[in-house]
């Protein structure tokens, strides 16, 4: 479920089959807080929003989707987003918090998908505080309270705006450690934007629910230098020692000392 889109977070409720309407494959909501490192992206404002999202059985859909809930009101229309292949709506009001802990009912024709988050805590996760070292190859961050996992995404930077652009060029899996070193770093001189994400799951639904992100500039300033293992060093030392003995014996022979 996570593979579709990283803001897909909550529990799945399937609607009863109905041949006259698009049935729901998945419905969910997510809180998302995003900031930009001000040293790397000066003046770029962050944002705090909620998402409601619904995947249906037909792409493109034949029906529209509406949402009933306490925060958003009844009959809220969720627009179709062709880029993500789903109905997707963001909300900036009311603020993320207890007002969002409620039951959501999605409608598609005569079918419904119900999502109960009353046992979950919807909140703003703290932004990961990250540093980049080791020539741009190691990203480390302080643990985020309530976060269960982390993920890193790398993006191209738009030369006109200086901001991340397009989809991720590379991403890690979900991590529990708070540091990551690139296994196959790009060539020296490569500059990308890296997004450090923190995720919190709701134990009642066992799905991602809250997310926070920080964008930073990641410039790779050097490439890995091949190194020898301990055994390799031993063999190299033996070869050098053997070569030295051969050279000395030849010198002794030519000088008449052998």
Protein backbone atom coordinates (compact mmCIF):
# COMPACT_ATOMS: atom_id res chain seq x y z
CA UNK A 1 0.00 0.00 0.00
CA UNK A 2 2.86 2.34 0.74
CA UNK A 3 4.24 1.84 -2.72
CA UNK A 4 1.54 3.93 -4.41
CA UNK A 5 2.30 7.32 -2.91
CA UNK A 6 4.04 8.20 0.29
CA UNK A 7 1.13 10.28 1.60
CA UNK A 8 -1.13 7.23 1.56
CA UNK A 9 -1.57 6.45 5.21
CA UNK A 10 -4.45 4.85 7.00
CA UNK A 11 -6.63 1.87 7.18
CA UNK A 12 -8.36 0.17 4.27
CA UNK A 13 -12.11 -0.37 4.18
CA UNK A 14 -13.58 -2.03 1.12
CA UNK A 15 -17.07 -1.13 -0.01
CA UNK A 16 -19.68 -3.62 -1.15
CA UNK A 17 -19.45 -4.41 -4.88
CA UNK A 18 -21.74 -2.35 -7.09
CA UNK A 19 -21.70 -2.74 -10.85
CA UNK A 20 -23.12 0.76 -11.28
CA UNK A 21 -20.30 2.62 -9.52
CA UNK A 22 -16.54 2.62 -9.01
CA UNK A 23 -15.77 0.59 -5.89
CA UNK A 24 -13.12 1.76 -3.45
CA UNK A 25 -9.75 0.01 -3.40
CA UNK A 26 -8.40 2.15 -0.55
CA UNK A 27 -9.26 5.31 1.39
CA UNK A 28 -7.16 7.25 3.90
CA UNK A 29 -6.02 10.56 5.37
CA UNK A 30 -2.63 11.91 6.43
CA UNK A 31 -1.14 14.88 8.24
CA UNK A 32 1.96 16.33 6.57
CA UNK A 33 4.37 19.02 7.79
CA UNK A 34 7.18 20.13 5.45
CA UNK A 35 9.99 22.65 5.91
CA UNK A 36 12.97 23.81 3.84
CA UNK A 37 16.41 24.34 5.34
CA UNK A 38 16.77 28.13 5.30
CA UNK A 39 20.51 28.01 4.66
CA UNK A 40 19.89 25.97 1.52
CA UNK A 41 16.50 27.39 0.47
CA UNK A 42 16.40 30.92 1.92
CA UNK A 43 12.90 32.37 2.18
CA UNK A 44 11.13 29.19 1.05
CA UNK A 45 8.11 28.71 3.31
CA UNK A 46 7.04 25.34 4.60
CA UNK A 47 3.48 24.10 4.97
CA UNK A 48 1.21 22.04 7.23
CA UNK A 49 -1.75 20.28 5.62
CA UNK A 50 -4.06 17.27 5.75
CA UNK A 51 -4.67 14.94 2.82
CA UNK A 52 -7.72 12.85 2.04
CA UNK A 53 -7.18 10.28 -0.69
CA UNK A 54 -9.22 7.54 -2.34
CA UNK A 55 -8.24 4.90 -4.88
CA UNK A 56 -11.09 3.40 -6.89
CA UNK A 57 -11.43 0.32 -9.07
CA UNK A 58 -11.42 2.22 -12.39
CA UNK A 59 -8.70 4.49 -13.76
CA UNK A 60 -9.80 6.93 -15.07
CA UNK A 61 -12.92 6.86 -12.90
CA UNK A 62 -16.51 6.94 -14.10
CA UNK A 63 -17.92 8.47 -10.90
CA UNK A 64 -17.04 11.35 -8.60
CA UNK A 65 -16.02 10.99 -4.96
CA UNK A 66 -17.32 13.03 -2.03
CA UNK A 67 -16.37 12.99 1.63
CA UNK A 68 -18.41 13.32 4.82
CA UNK A 69 -16.60 14.17 8.05
CA UNK A 70 -16.79 16.47 11.03
CA UNK A 71 -13.81 18.70 10.07
CA UNK A 72 -14.53 18.95 6.36
CA UNK A 73 -18.30 18.89 6.35
CA UNK A 74 -20.62 16.63 4.39
CA UNK A 75 -20.57 16.31 0.63
CA UNK A 76 -17.05 17.70 0.17
CA UNK A 77 -15.99 16.94 -3.40
CA UNK A 78 -12.56 15.35 -3.82
CA UNK A 79 -10.99 16.13 -7.22
CA UNK A 80 -9.43 13.47 -9.43
CA UNK A 81 -5.63 13.70 -9.62
CA UNK A 82 -4.39 11.99 -12.78
CA UNK A 83 -0.72 12.26 -11.69
CA UNK A 84 -1.37 10.02 -8.69
CA UNK A 85 -4.21 7.99 -10.19
CA UNK A 86 -6.52 8.74 -7.28
CA UNK A 87 -8.94 11.23 -5.82
CA UNK A 88 -6.84 13.59 -3.74
CA UNK A 89 -7.77 16.62 -1.66
CA UNK A 90 -5.65 18.69 0.73
CA UNK A 91 -7.05 20.75 3.59
CA UNK A 92 -5.35 23.55 5.53
CA UNK A 93 -8.25 24.16 7.92
CA UNK A 94 -9.02 23.26 10.63
CA UNK A 95 -5.46 22.97 12.00
CA UNK A 96 -4.02 19.50 12.34
CA UNK A 97 -4.94 18.11 15.75
CA UNK A 98 -7.76 16.61 17.74
CA UNK A 99 -10.43 18.08 15.44
CA UNK A 100 -9.32 15.56 12.80
CA UNK A 101 -9.82 12.49 14.99
CA UNK A 102 -13.13 11.39 13.57
CA UNK A 103 -14.92 9.06 11.19
CA UNK A 104 -14.66 9.70 7.44
CA UNK A 105 -17.13 8.37 4.87
CA UNK A 106 -16.17 8.41 1.20
CA UNK A 107 -18.92 8.12 -1.43
CA UNK A 108 -18.59 6.93 -5.02
CA UNK A 109 -22.00 6.59 -6.60
CA UNK A 110 -23.90 4.19 -4.35
CA UNK A 111 -20.79 2.74 -2.72
CA UNK A 112 -19.12 3.95 0.46
CA UNK A 113 -15.76 3.57 2.15
CA UNK A 114 -15.59 4.31 5.87
CA UNK A 115 -12.43 5.21 7.78
CA UNK A 116 -12.51 5.45 11.58
CA UNK A 117 -9.53 7.29 13.05
CA UNK A 118 -11.05 7.96 16.46
CA UNK A 119 -8.44 5.69 18.09
CA UNK A 120 -5.53 7.43 16.31
CA UNK A 121 -3.63 10.58 17.19
CA UNK A 122 -3.40 12.97 14.25
CA UNK A 123 -0.70 15.56 14.95
CA UNK A 124 2.18 17.52 13.51
CA UNK A 125 5.39 15.56 13.82
CA UNK A 126 8.53 17.52 14.62
CA UNK A 127 10.75 18.30 11.64
CA UNK A 128 13.87 16.09 11.38
CA UNK A 129 17.00 18.05 12.33
CA UNK A 130 19.55 16.74 9.85
CA UNK A 131 23.23 17.17 9.03
CA UNK A 132 25.17 16.04 5.95
CA UNK A 133 28.78 14.87 6.20
CA UNK A 134 31.32 12.51 4.62
CA UNK A 135 31.51 14.52 1.41
CA UNK A 136 27.73 14.57 1.00
CA UNK A 137 27.36 10.81 1.31
CA UNK A 138 26.13 10.52 4.92
CA UNK A 139 22.88 12.06 6.19
CA UNK A 140 22.23 11.97 9.94
CA UNK A 141 19.31 13.33 11.95
CA UNK A 142 18.10 13.51 15.52
CA UNK A 143 15.33 11.07 16.51
CA UNK A 144 11.87 12.58 15.93
CA UNK A 145 9.49 12.08 18.87
CA UNK A 146 6.68 9.58 18.05
CA UNK A 147 8.25 8.64 14.70
CA UNK A 148 8.37 4.93 13.87
CA UNK A 149 10.43 5.07 10.69
CA UNK A 150 12.31 7.36 8.30
CA UNK A 151 13.03 7.57 4.57
CA UNK A 152 15.32 9.65 2.34
CA UNK A 153 14.40 10.88 -1.15
CA UNK A 154 16.74 12.64 -3.60
CA UNK A 155 15.50 15.12 -6.24
CA UNK A 156 16.88 17.20 -9.07
CA UNK A 157 17.05 20.94 -8.48
CA UNK A 158 15.34 23.29 -10.92
CA UNK A 159 18.08 25.64 -12.25
CA UNK A 160 15.55 28.49 -12.54
CA UNK A 161 13.94 28.29 -9.11
CA UNK A 162 16.64 26.50 -7.11
CA UNK A 163 13.92 24.21 -5.68
CA UNK A 164 13.39 20.43 -5.83
CA UNK A 165 11.62 19.38 -9.01
CA UNK A 166 10.05 16.21 -10.38
CA UNK A 167 9.77 12.83 -8.75
CA UNK A 168 12.48 11.23 -6.61
CA UNK A 169 15.61 10.13 -8.48
CA UNK A 170 16.37 7.68 -5.69
CA UNK A 171 14.98 6.76 -2.32
CA UNK A 172 15.81 4.50 0.56
CA UNK A 173 13.51 1.95 2.09
CA UNK A 174 11.89 2.66 5.45
CA UNK A 175 14.66 3.07 8.03
CA UNK A 176 14.74 2.76 11.81
CA UNK A 177 18.29 4.10 12.17
CA UNK A 178 18.91 7.86 12.27
CA UNK A 179 21.85 7.87 9.87
CA UNK A 180 22.33 6.69 6.31
CA UNK A 181 25.43 6.48 4.11
CA UNK A 182 25.05 6.14 0.35
CA UNK A 183 26.08 2.75 -0.99
CA UNK A 184 26.56 3.93 -4.58
CA UNK A 185 27.00 7.72 -4.42
CA UNK A 186 26.76 9.86 -7.57
CA UNK A 187 29.92 11.35 -9.11
CA UNK A 188 31.81 14.08 -7.32
CA UNK A 189 30.30 17.50 -8.00
CA UNK A 190 26.70 16.24 -8.13
CA UNK A 191 24.24 18.52 -6.32
CA UNK A 192 20.76 17.29 -5.41
CA UNK A 193 18.02 18.07 -2.94
CA UNK A 194 17.52 15.45 -0.27
CA UNK A 195 14.25 15.11 1.61
CA UNK A 196 14.43 13.60 5.10
CA UNK A 197 11.04 12.11 6.04
CA UNK A 198 9.76 10.93 9.42
CA UNK A 199 6.66 8.73 9.72
CA UNK A 200 4.35 7.77 12.56
CA UNK A 201 2.00 4.79 12.41
CA UNK A 202 -1.34 4.45 14.14
CA UNK A 203 -1.24 1.18 16.07
CA UNK A 204 -5.02 0.83 15.70
CA UNK A 205 -4.78 0.74 11.88
CA UNK A 206 -1.15 -0.35 11.46
CA UNK A 207 -0.66 2.18 8.67
CA UNK A 208 1.32 5.40 8.27
CA UNK A 209 -0.65 8.37 9.56
CA UNK A 210 1.58 11.38 10.33
CA UNK A 211 4.56 12.65 8.38
CA UNK A 212 7.15 15.44 8.61
CA UNK A 213 9.84 16.35 6.09
CA UNK A 214 12.90 18.56 5.69
CA UNK A 215 14.52 19.50 2.38
CA UNK A 216 18.29 20.10 2.32
CA UNK A 217 20.95 20.51 -0.38
CA UNK A 218 23.16 17.45 -0.78
CA UNK A 219 26.40 18.10 -2.69
CA UNK A 220 28.72 15.16 -3.25
CA UNK A 221 32.23 16.59 -3.06
CA UNK A 222 34.29 13.44 -3.45
CA UNK A 223 33.94 9.88 -4.69
CA UNK A 224 34.82 6.79 -2.68
CA UNK A 225 38.50 5.80 -2.69
CA UNK A 226 39.03 2.03 -3.01
CA UNK A 227 40.49 0.55 0.17
CA UNK A 228 42.12 -2.75 1.00
CA UNK A 229 40.91 -5.16 3.63
CA UNK A 230 43.21 -6.24 6.47
CA UNK A 231 44.15 -9.42 4.60
CA UNK A 232 44.79 -7.35 1.49
CA UNK A 233 47.18 -5.14 3.44
CA UNK A 234 49.03 -8.20 4.75
CA UNK A 235 49.45 -9.66 1.26
CA UNK A 236 50.59 -6.29 -0.08
CA UNK A 237 53.19 -6.01 2.68
CA UNK A 238 54.48 -9.53 1.92
CA UNK A 239 54.74 -8.74 -1.80
CA UNK A 240 56.63 -5.52 -1.09
CA UNK A 241 58.96 -7.31 1.33
CA UNK A 242 59.64 -10.07 -1.20
CA UNK A 243 60.36 -7.54 -3.92
CA UNK A 244 62.81 -5.73 -1.65
CA UNK A 245 64.69 -8.99 -0.93
CA UNK A 246 65.00 -9.78 -4.65
CA UNK A 247 66.34 -6.32 -5.41
CA UNK A 248 68.92 -6.52 -2.60
CA UNK A 249 70.13 -9.96 -3.71
CA UNK A 250 70.60 -8.71 -7.28
CA UNK A 251 72.60 -5.74 -6.05
CA UNK A 252 74.81 -8.00 -3.93
CA UNK A 253 75.35 -10.29 -6.93
CA UNK A 254 76.37 -7.48 -9.28
CA UNK A 255 78.71 -6.02 -6.68
CA UNK A 256 80.47 -9.36 -6.13
CA UNK A 257 79.31 -9.75 -2.53
CA UNK A 258 77.14 -12.85 -3.09
